[in-house]
PDB file of N, CA and C in Angstrom:
ATOM      1  N   MET A   1     -23.546 -40.190 -20.519  1.00  0.00           N
ATOM      2  CA  MET A   1     -22.620 -38.985 -19.195  1.00  0.00           C
ATOM      3  C   MET A   1     -22.902 -37.979 -19.187  1.00  0.00           C
ATOM      4  N   SER A   2     -22.631 -37.322 -17.364  1.00  0.00           N
ATOM      5  CA  SER A   2     -23.634 -35.716 -17.690  1.00  0.00           C
ATOM      6  C   SER A   2     -22.075 -35.048 -16.377  1.00  0.00           C
ATOM      7  N   THR A   3     -21.987 -34.539 -17.343  1.00  0.00           N
ATOM      8  CA  THR A   3     -20.794 -33.485 -16.210  1.00  0.00           C
ATOM      9  C   THR A   3     -21.985 -31.728 -15.304  1.00  0.00           C
ATOM     10  N   LYS A   4     -21.527 -32.144 -14.592  1.00  0.00           N
ATOM     11  CA  LYS A   4     -21.626 -31.222 -13.700  1.00  0.00           C
ATOM     12  C   LYS A   4     -21.370 -30.168 -13.775  1.00  0.00           C
ATOM     13  N   ARG A   5     -22.116 -28.901 -13.368  1.00  0.00           N
ATOM     14  CA  ARG A   5     -21.376 -27.427 -13.797  1.00  0.00           C
ATOM     15  C   ARG A   5     -20.822 -27.031 -12.194  1.00  0.00           C
ATOM     16  N   ARG A   6     -20.449 -26.373 -12.122  1.00  0.00           N
ATOM     17  CA  ARG A   6     -19.250 -26.150 -10.801  1.00  0.00           C
ATOM     18  C   ARG A   6     -19.232 -24.854 -10.641  1.00  0.00           C
ATOM     19  N   ASN A   7     -19.453 -24.011  -9.727  1.00  0.00           N
ATOM     20  CA  ASN A   7     -19.905 -22.728  -8.989  1.00  0.00           C
ATOM     21  C   ASN A   7     -18.573 -22.655  -7.836  1.00  0.00           C
ATOM     22  N   HIS A   8     -17.879 -21.292  -8.576  1.00  0.00           N
ATOM     23  CA  HIS A   8     -17.421 -20.817  -8.334  1.00  0.00           C
ATOM     24  C   HIS A   8     -17.831 -19.952  -7.082  1.00  0.00           C
ATOM     25  N   SER A   9     -17.335 -19.456  -6.053  1.00  0.00           N
ATOM     26  CA  SER A   9     -17.313 -18.080  -5.482  1.00  0.00           C
ATOM     27  C   SER A   9     -15.845 -16.821  -5.445  1.00  0.00           C
ATOM     28  N   PRO A  10     -16.735 -15.937  -5.419  1.00  0.00           N
ATOM     29  CA  PRO A  10     -16.861 -15.018  -5.870  1.00  0.00           C
ATOM     30  C   PRO A  10     -14.226 -15.070  -5.223  1.00  0.00           C
ATOM     31  N   GLN A  11     -14.515 -15.386  -4.322  1.00  0.00           N
ATOM     32  CA  GLN A  11     -13.357 -15.205  -3.346  1.00  0.00           C
ATOM     33  C   GLN A  11     -12.377 -16.250  -4.440  1.00  0.00           C
ATOM     34  N   PHE A  12     -12.385 -17.293  -4.494  1.00  0.00           N
ATOM     35  CA  PHE A  12     -11.119 -18.324  -4.967  1.00  0.00           C
ATOM     36  C   PHE A  12     -11.568 -17.498  -6.301  1.00  0.00           C
ATOM     37  N   LYS A  13     -12.422 -16.836  -7.285  1.00  0.00           N
ATOM     38  CA  LYS A  13     -12.299 -16.834  -8.901  1.00  0.00           C
ATOM     39  C   LYS A  13     -11.217 -14.894  -8.176  1.00  0.00           C
ATOM     40  N   ALA A  14     -11.628 -14.491  -7.105  1.00  0.00           N
ATOM     41  CA  ALA A  14     -10.412 -12.723  -6.895  1.00  0.00           C
ATOM     42  C   ALA A  14      -9.051 -13.544  -6.356  1.00  0.00           C
ATOM     43  N   LYS A  15      -8.835 -15.088  -6.154  1.00  0.00           N
ATOM     44  CA  LYS A  15      -8.048 -15.754  -5.274  1.00  0.00           C
ATOM     45  C   LYS A  15      -6.824 -16.050  -6.420  1.00  0.00           C
ATOM     46  N   VAL A  16      -7.902 -16.467  -7.631  1.00  0.00           N
ATOM     47  CA  VAL A  16      -7.397 -17.231  -9.546  1.00  0.00           C
ATOM     48  C   VAL A  16      -7.056 -15.713 -10.523  1.00  0.00           C
ATOM     49  N   ALA A  17      -7.919 -15.005 -10.521  1.00  0.00           N
ATOM     50  CA  ALA A  17      -7.372 -13.605 -10.944  1.00  0.00           C
ATOM     51  C   ALA A  17      -6.436 -12.835  -9.842  1.00  0.00           C
ATOM     52  N   LEU A  18      -5.665 -12.749  -9.360  1.00  0.00           N
ATOM     53  CA  LEU A  18      -4.748 -11.922  -8.595  1.00  0.00           C
ATOM     54  C   LEU A  18      -2.992 -13.224  -8.826  1.00  0.00           C
ATOM     55  N   ALA A  19      -3.349 -14.012  -8.529  1.00  0.00           N
ATOM     56  CA  ALA A  19      -1.971 -15.175  -9.154  1.00  0.00           C
ATOM     57  C   ALA A  19      -1.963 -14.644 -10.590  1.00  0.00           C
ATOM     58  N   ALA A  20      -3.668 -14.536 -10.811  1.00  0.00           N
ATOM     59  CA  ALA A  20      -2.824 -14.648 -13.097  1.00  0.00           C
ATOM     60  C   ALA A  20      -2.306 -13.401 -13.339  1.00  0.00           C
ATOM     61  N   LEU A  21      -2.977 -11.977 -12.543  1.00  0.00           N
ATOM     62  CA  LEU A  21      -2.246 -11.385 -12.372  1.00  0.00           C
ATOM     63  C   LEU A  21      -0.498 -11.319 -11.860  1.00  0.00           C
ATOM     64  N   ARG A  22      -0.618 -11.377 -11.412  1.00  0.00           N
ATOM     65  CA  ARG A  22       1.140 -11.365 -10.839  1.00  0.00           C
ATOM     66  C   ARG A  22       1.996 -11.994 -12.029  1.00  0.00           C
ATOM     67  N   ASN A  23       1.123 -12.820 -12.713  1.00  0.00           N
ATOM     68  CA  ASN A  23       2.909 -13.678 -14.062  1.00  0.00           C
ATOM     69  C   ASN A  23       3.559 -14.347 -13.590  1.00  0.00           C
ATOM     70  N   GLU A  24       3.724 -14.847 -12.014  1.00  0.00           N
ATOM     71  CA  GLU A  24       4.614 -15.337 -11.600  1.00  0.00           C
ATOM     72  C   GLU A  24       3.995 -16.945 -12.451  1.00  0.00           C
ATOM     73  N   GLU A  25       3.365 -16.802 -12.231  1.00  0.00           N
ATOM     74  CA  GLU A  25       2.841 -19.104 -13.028  1.00  0.00           C
ATOM     75  C   GLU A  25       1.798 -18.418 -13.764  1.00  0.00           C
ATOM     76  N   THR A  26       2.536 -19.236 -15.261  1.00  0.00           N
ATOM     77  CA  THR A  26       2.287 -19.255 -17.011  1.00  0.00           C
ATOM     78  C   THR A  26       0.200 -19.774 -16.235  1.00  0.00           C
ATOM     79  N   THR A  27      -0.366 -19.356 -17.027  1.00  0.00           N
ATOM     80  CA  THR A  27      -2.378 -19.837 -17.116  1.00  0.00           C
ATOM     81  C   THR A  27      -1.880 -21.753 -17.011  1.00  0.00           C
ATOM     82  N   ALA A  28      -1.362 -21.863 -18.048  1.00  0.00           N
ATOM     83  CA  ALA A  28      -1.285 -23.151 -18.045  1.00  0.00           C
ATOM     84  C   ALA A  28      -1.162 -24.056 -16.550  1.00  0.00           C
ATOM     85  N   GLU A  29      -0.248 -23.803 -15.928  1.00  0.00           N
ATOM     86  CA  GLU A  29       0.342 -23.640 -14.821  1.00  0.00           C
ATOM     87  C   GLU A  29      -1.065 -23.420 -13.646  1.00  0.00           C
ATOM     88  N   LEU A  30      -0.990 -22.275 -13.420  1.00  0.00           N
ATOM     89  CA  LEU A  30      -2.119 -21.495 -12.948  1.00  0.00           C
ATOM     90  C   LEU A  30      -3.161 -23.137 -13.115  1.00  0.00           C
ATOM     91  N   SER A  31      -4.128 -23.198 -14.118  1.00  0.00           N
ATOM     92  CA  SER A  31      -4.948 -23.713 -14.832  1.00  0.00           C
ATOM     93  C   SER A  31      -4.995 -25.175 -13.778  1.00  0.00           C
ATOM     94  N   ASN A  32      -3.563 -25.460 -13.233  1.00  0.00           N
ATOM     95  CA  ASN A  32      -3.484 -27.524 -12.669  1.00  0.00           C
ATOM     96  C   ASN A  32      -3.366 -26.812 -11.810  1.00  0.00           C
ATOM     97  N   ARG A  33      -3.238 -25.990 -11.099  1.00  0.00           N
ATOM     98  CA  ARG A  33      -2.672 -25.179  -9.547  1.00  0.00           C
ATOM     99  C   ARG A  33      -4.651 -25.389  -9.205  1.00  0.00           C
ATOM    100  N   PHE A  34      -5.111 -24.397  -9.802  1.00  0.00           N
ATOM    101  CA  PHE A  34      -6.295 -24.418  -8.664  1.00  0.00           C
ATOM    102  C   PHE A  34      -7.645 -25.420 -10.709  1.00  0.00           C
ATOM    103  N   GLY A  35      -7.093 -26.278 -10.594  1.00  0.00           N
ATOM    104  CA  GLY A  35      -8.340 -26.493 -11.088  1.00  0.00           C
ATOM    105  C   GLY A  35      -9.529 -26.076 -12.601  1.00  0.00           C
ATOM    106  N   VAL A  36      -9.413 -25.099 -13.534  1.00  0.00           N
ATOM    107  CA  VAL A  36      -9.779 -24.528 -13.677  1.00  0.00           C
ATOM    108  C   VAL A  36      -9.534 -24.211 -15.017  1.00  0.00           C
ATOM    109  N   HIS A  37      -9.954 -23.832 -16.334  1.00  0.00           N
ATOM    110  CA  HIS A  37      -9.836 -24.327 -17.238  1.00  0.00           C
ATOM    111  C   HIS A  37      -9.090 -22.639 -17.325  1.00  0.00           C
ATOM    112  N   GLN A  38      -7.952 -22.109 -18.568  1.00  0.00           N
ATOM    113  CA  GLN A  38      -7.212 -21.814 -18.470  1.00  0.00           C
ATOM    114  C   GLN A  38      -8.398 -20.462 -18.898  1.00  0.00           C
ATOM    115  N   THR A  39      -9.532 -20.909 -19.990  1.00  0.00           N
ATOM    116  CA  THR A  39     -10.427 -19.806 -20.515  1.00  0.00           C
ATOM    117  C   THR A  39     -10.624 -18.952 -19.462  1.00  0.00           C
ATOM    118  N   MET A  40     -11.457 -19.545 -18.401  1.00  0.00           N
ATOM    119  CA  MET A  40     -12.125 -18.821 -17.166  1.00  0.00           C
ATOM    120  C   MET A  40     -11.173 -18.928 -16.520  1.00  0.00           C
ATOM    121  N   ILE A  41      -8.924 -18.461 -16.454  1.00  0.00           N
ATOM    122  CA  ILE A  41      -8.493 -17.545 -15.311  1.00  0.00           C
ATOM    123  C   ILE A  41      -8.581 -16.459 -16.312  1.00  0.00           C
ATOM    124  N   ASN A  42      -8.842 -16.634 -18.127  1.00  0.00           N
ATOM    125  CA  ASN A  42      -8.118 -14.845 -18.789  1.00  0.00           C
ATOM    126  C   ASN A  42      -9.704 -15.132 -18.224  1.00  0.00           C
ATOM    127  N   LYS A  43     -11.315 -15.003 -18.271  1.00  0.00           N
ATOM    128  CA  LYS A  43     -12.099 -14.540 -18.072  1.00  0.00           C
ATOM    129  C   LYS A  43     -12.232 -13.496 -17.217  1.00  0.00           C
ATOM    130  N   TRP A  44     -12.110 -13.909 -15.690  1.00  0.00           N
ATOM    131  CA  TRP A  44     -11.622 -13.780 -14.622  1.00  0.00           C
ATOM    132  C   TRP A  44     -10.986 -12.372 -14.072  1.00  0.00           C
ATOM    133  N   LYS A  45      -9.410 -12.356 -14.613  1.00  0.00           N
ATOM    134  CA  LYS A  45      -8.646 -11.805 -15.023  1.00  0.00           C
ATOM    135  C   LYS A  45      -8.974 -10.388 -15.755  1.00  0.00           C
ATOM    136  N   LYS A  46      -9.234 -10.556 -17.196  1.00  0.00           N
ATOM    137  CA  LYS A  46     -10.334  -9.460 -17.956  1.00  0.00           C
ATOM    138  C   LYS A  46     -11.514  -9.057 -16.504  1.00  0.00           C
ATOM    139  N   ASP A  47     -12.442  -9.492 -16.503  1.00  0.00           N
ATOM    140  CA  ASP A  47     -13.637  -9.255 -15.045  1.00  0.00           C
ATOM    141  C   ASP A  47     -13.404  -8.483 -13.995  1.00  0.00           C
ATOM    142  N   LEU A  48     -11.403  -8.762 -13.468  1.00  0.00           N
ATOM    143  CA  LEU A  48     -10.969  -8.330 -12.361  1.00  0.00           C
ATOM    144  C   LEU A  48     -10.416  -6.722 -13.008  1.00  0.00           C
ATOM    145  N   LEU A  49      -9.840  -6.875 -13.815  1.00  0.00           N
ATOM    146  CA  LEU A  49      -9.043  -5.607 -14.124  1.00  0.00           C
ATOM    147  C   LEU A  49     -11.094  -4.277 -14.495  1.00  0.00           C
ATOM    148  N   ASP A  50     -11.474  -4.864 -15.784  1.00  0.00           N
ATOM    149  CA  ASP A  50     -12.658  -3.549 -15.623  1.00  0.00           C
ATOM    150  C   ASP A  50     -12.967  -3.760 -15.092  1.00  0.00           C
ATOM    151  N   GLY A  51     -13.235  -4.519 -13.938  1.00  0.00           N
ATOM    152  CA  GLY A  51     -14.366  -4.196 -12.146  1.00  0.00           C
ATOM    153  C   GLY A  51     -13.143  -3.510 -10.996  1.00  0.00           C
ATOM    154  N   ALA A  52     -12.161  -3.427 -11.947  1.00  0.00           N
ATOM    155  CA  ALA A  52     -11.238  -2.599 -10.703  1.00  0.00           C
ATOM    156  C   ALA A  52     -11.439  -1.397 -10.029  1.00  0.00           C
ATOM    157  N   ALA A  53     -11.604  -0.256 -10.975  1.00  0.00           N
ATOM    158  CA  ALA A  53     -12.646   1.285 -11.738  1.00  0.00           C
ATOM    159  C   ALA A  53     -14.002   1.210 -10.030  1.00  0.00           C
ATOM    160  N   ASP A  54     -14.646   0.161 -10.245  1.00  0.00           N
ATOM    161  CA  ASP A  54     -15.645   0.245 -10.222  1.00  0.00           C
ATOM    162  C   ASP A  54     -15.532   0.255  -7.423  1.00  0.00           C
ATOM    163  N   ILE A  55     -14.479  -0.498  -7.428  1.00  0.00           N
ATOM    164  CA  ILE A  55     -14.322  -0.321  -6.176  1.00  0.00           C
ATOM    165  C   ILE A  55     -14.250   0.893  -5.525  1.00  0.00           C
ATOM    166  N   PHE A  56     -13.173   2.150  -6.403  1.00  0.00           N
ATOM    167  CA  PHE A  56     -12.958   2.676  -5.859  1.00  0.00           C
ATOM    168  C   PHE A  56     -14.521   4.096  -5.739  1.00  0.00           C
ATOM    169  N   GLY A  57     -14.892   3.304  -6.638  1.00  0.00           N
ATOM    170  CA  GLY A  57     -16.227   4.714  -7.072  1.00  0.00           C
ATOM    171  C   GLY A  57     -16.871   4.237  -6.456  1.00  0.00           C
ATOM    172  N   LYS A  58     -17.269   2.943  -6.034  1.00  0.00           N
ATOM    173  CA  LYS A  58     -18.723   2.645  -5.369  1.00  0.00           C
ATOM    174  C   LYS A  58     -19.150   3.161  -3.675  1.00  0.00           C
ATOM    175  N   ASN A  59     -18.219   3.833  -2.460  1.00  0.00           N
ATOM    176  CA  ASN A  59     -17.930   4.123  -1.873  1.00  0.00           C
ATOM    177  C   ASN A  59     -18.646   6.143  -2.549  1.00  0.00           C
ATOM    178  N   GLN A  60     -18.933   6.457  -2.353  1.00  0.00           N
ATOM    179  CA  GLN A  60     -19.036   7.693  -3.690  1.00  0.00           C
ATOM    180  C   GLN A  60     -20.558   7.742  -3.718  1.00  0.00           C
ATOM    181  N   LYS A  61     -21.109   6.606  -5.117  1.00  0.00           N
ATOM    182  CA  LYS A  61     -22.054   6.533  -5.253  1.00  0.00           C
ATOM    183  C   LYS A  61     -22.985   5.701  -4.266  1.00  0.00           C
ATOM    184  N   SER A  62     -22.233   4.979  -3.128  1.00  0.00           N
ATOM    185  CA  SER A  62     -23.106   4.692  -1.541  1.00  0.00           C
ATOM    186  C   SER A  62     -23.660   5.722  -1.364  1.00  0.00           C
ATOM    187  N   ALA A  63     -22.614   6.566  -0.567  1.00  0.00           N
ATOM    188  CA  ALA A  63     -22.810   7.370   0.205  1.00  0.00           C
ATOM    189  C   ALA A  63     -23.935   8.364  -0.558  1.00  0.00           C
ATOM    190  N   LYS A  64     -23.815   8.503  -1.892  1.00  0.00           N
ATOM    191  CA  LYS A  64     -24.854   9.645  -2.478  1.00  0.00           C
ATOM    192  C   LYS A  64     -26.164   9.432  -2.271  1.00  0.00           C
ATOM    193  N   GLN A  65     -26.601   7.857  -2.763  1.00  0.00           N
ATOM    194  CA  GLN A  65     -27.164   6.860  -2.785  1.00  0.00           C
ATOM    195  C   GLN A  65     -28.191   7.452  -1.608  1.00  0.00           C
ATOM    196  N   THR A  66     -26.923   6.778   0.160  1.00  0.00           N
ATOM    197  CA  THR A  66     -27.554   6.653   1.394  1.00  0.00           C
ATOM    198  C   THR A  66     -28.571   8.073   0.960  1.00  0.00           C
ATOM    199  N   GLU A  67     -27.895   9.192   1.026  1.00  0.00           N
ATOM    200  CA  GLU A  67     -28.358  10.686   1.279  1.00  0.00           C
ATOM    201  C   GLU A  67     -29.717  10.727   0.566  1.00  0.00           C
ATOM    202  N   SER A  68     -29.461  10.628  -0.808  1.00  0.00           N
ATOM    203  CA  SER A  68     -30.919  11.339  -1.330  1.00  0.00           C
ATOM    204  C   SER A  68     -32.168   9.538  -0.685  1.00  0.00           C
ATOM    205  N   THR A  69     -31.831   9.186  -0.231  1.00  0.00           N
ATOM    206  CA  THR A  69     -33.679   8.173   0.518  1.00  0.00           C
ATOM    207  C   THR A  69     -33.342   8.664   1.825  1.00  0.00           C
ATOM    208  N   MET A  70     -32.273   9.078   2.452  1.00  0.00           N
ATOM    209  CA  MET A  70     -32.667   9.414   3.326  1.00  0.00           C
ATOM    210  C   MET A  70     -33.446  11.022   3.480  1.00  0.00           C
ATOM    211  N   ASP A  71     -32.819  11.452   3.196  1.00  0.00           N
ATOM    212  CA  ASP A  71     -34.004  13.190   2.395  1.00  0.00           C
ATOM    213  C   ASP A  71     -34.988  12.779   1.990  1.00  0.00           C
ATOM    214  N   ASP A  72     -35.694  11.548   0.711  1.00  0.00           N
ATOM    215  CA  ASP A  72     -37.611  10.540   0.833  1.00  0.00           C
ATOM    216  C   ASP A  72     -37.746  10.227   2.044  1.00  0.00           C
ATOM    217  N   LEU A  73     -36.760  10.110   2.448  1.00  0.00           N
ATOM    218  CA  LEU A  73     -37.211   9.356   3.910  1.00  0.00           C
ATOM    219  C   LEU A  73     -37.836  10.120   4.955  1.00  0.00           C
ATOM    220  N   TYR A  74     -37.536  11.376   5.425  1.00  0.00           N
ATOM    221  CA  TYR A  74     -37.409  12.775   6.148  1.00  0.00           C
ATOM    222  C   TYR A  74     -38.755  13.377   5.881  1.00  0.00           C
ATOM    223  N   LYS A  75     -38.743  13.703   4.176  1.00  0.00           N
ATOM    224  CA  LYS A  75     -40.082  13.916   2.841  1.00  0.00           C
ATOM    225  C   LYS A  75     -41.577  13.368   3.696  1.00  0.00           C
ATOM    226  N   GLU A  76     -41.485  12.144   3.493  1.00  0.00           N
ATOM    227  CA  GLU A  76     -41.922  10.837   4.263  1.00  0.00           C
ATOM    228  C   GLU A  76     -42.605  10.652   5.676  1.00  0.00           C
ATOM    229  N   ILE A  77     -42.082  11.219   6.807  1.00  0.00           N
ATOM    230  CA  ILE A  77     -42.019  11.205   7.978  1.00  0.00           C
ATOM    231  C   ILE A  77     -42.863  12.200   8.187  1.00  0.00           C
ATOM    232  N   GLY A  78     -41.804  12.924   7.753  1.00  0.00           N
ATOM    233  CA  GLY A  78     -42.760  14.733   7.995  1.00  0.00           C
ATOM    234  C   GLY A  78     -44.192  15.056   6.991  1.00  0.00           C
ATOM    235  N   LYS A  79     -43.831  14.495   6.432  1.00  0.00           N
ATOM    236  CA  LYS A  79     -46.077  13.941   5.328  1.00  0.00           C
ATOM    237  C   LYS A  79     -47.025  13.838   6.219  1.00  0.00           C
ATOM    238  N   LEU A  80     -45.970  11.931   7.147  1.00  0.00           N
ATOM    239  CA  LEU A  80     -47.127  11.267   7.858  1.00  0.00           C
ATOM    240  C   LEU A  80     -47.540  12.227   9.157  1.00  0.00           C
ATOM    241  N   LYS A  81     -46.385  12.747   9.553  1.00  0.00           N
ATOM    242  CA  LYS A  81     -46.528  13.536  10.681  1.00  0.00           C
ATOM    243  C   LYS A  81     -47.923  14.693  10.748  1.00  0.00           C
ATOM    244  N   VAL A  82     -47.872  14.987  10.020  1.00  0.00           N
ATOM    245  CA  VAL A  82     -48.612  16.645   9.662  1.00  0.00           C
ATOM    246  C   VAL A  82     -49.587  15.928   9.732  1.00  0.00           C
ATOM    247  N   GLU A  83     -50.242  14.638   9.135  1.00  0.00           N
ATOM    248  CA  GLU A  83     -51.485  13.842   8.653  1.00  0.00           C
ATOM    249  C   GLU A  83     -52.286  13.366   9.957  1.00  0.00           C
ATOM    250  N   ASN A  84     -50.958  12.745  10.866  1.00  0.00           N
ATOM    251  CA  ASN A  84     -50.924  12.445  11.949  1.00  0.00           C
ATOM    252  C   ASN A  84     -51.724  13.113  13.177  1.00  0.00           C
ATOM    253  N   ASP A  85     -51.378  14.505  12.566  1.00  0.00           N
ATOM    254  CA  ASP A  85     -51.888  15.413  14.159  1.00  0.00           C
ATOM    255  C   ASP A  85     -52.895  16.140  12.827  1.00  0.00           C
ATOM    256  N   PHE A  86     -53.390  16.108  12.157  1.00  0.00           N
ATOM    257  CA  PHE A  86     -54.541  16.788  11.830  1.00  0.00           C
ATOM    258  C   PHE A  86     -55.948  15.141  11.790  1.00  0.00           C
ATOM    259  N   LEU A  87     -55.469  14.424  11.486  1.00  0.00           N
ATOM    260  CA  LEU A  87     -56.636  13.206  11.665  1.00  0.00           C
ATOM    261  C   LEU A  87     -56.346  13.351  13.298  1.00  0.00           C
ATOM    262  N   SER A  88     -55.727  13.575  13.676  1.00  0.00           N
ATOM    263  CA  SER A  88     -56.084  13.034  15.610  1.00  0.00           C
ATOM    264  C   SER A  88     -57.064  14.608  16.088  1.00  0.00           C
ATOM    265  N   LYS A  89     -56.833  16.107  15.844  1.00  0.00           N
ATOM    266  CA  LYS A  89     -57.151  17.018  15.778  1.00  0.00           C
ATOM    267  C   LYS A  89     -58.916  16.713  15.765  1.00  0.00           C
ATOM    268  N   LYS A  90     -58.399  15.447  14.421  1.00  0.00           N
ATOM    269  CA  LYS A  90     -60.430  15.739  13.839  1.00  0.00           C
ATOM    270  C   LYS A  90     -61.454  14.413  14.948  1.00  0.00           C
ATOM    271  N   LEU A  91     -60.350  13.775  15.186  1.00  0.00           N
ATOM    272  CA  LEU A  91     -60.992  12.952  16.025  1.00  0.00           C
ATOM    273  C   LEU A  91     -61.399  13.104  17.570  1.00  0.00           C
ATOM    274  N   ASP A  92     -60.800  14.335  17.848  1.00  0.00           N
ATOM    275  CA  ASP A  92     -61.223  14.634  19.145  1.00  0.00           C
ATOM    276  C   ASP A  92     -62.614  16.096  19.259  1.00  0.00           C
ATOM    277  N   LEU A  93     -62.788  15.896  18.470  1.00  0.00           N
ATOM    278  CA  LEU A  93     -64.049  16.704  18.486  1.00  0.00           C
ATOM    279  C   LEU A  93     -64.098  17.083  20.072  1.00  0.00           C
TER     280      LEU A  93
END
């Protein structure tokens, strides 16, 4: 007898974790309602609480990374333009 492991979408996990955070139903009731083991509900709830701060700090990190990447790309474009100009002058001998 083989049991197939189910993969739940992030949206489903968030839905279940938020329902658990509301404390309107017990974990056992949520388990029956969503068809997920109580341990998974507690894990997803903990993951949601642990990762909540990252949601708000993500935009700042992303903006800094984007700015850094853009600076690097502009430097590379400048370097390639100088090389291109140099080579086109040498070919026009």
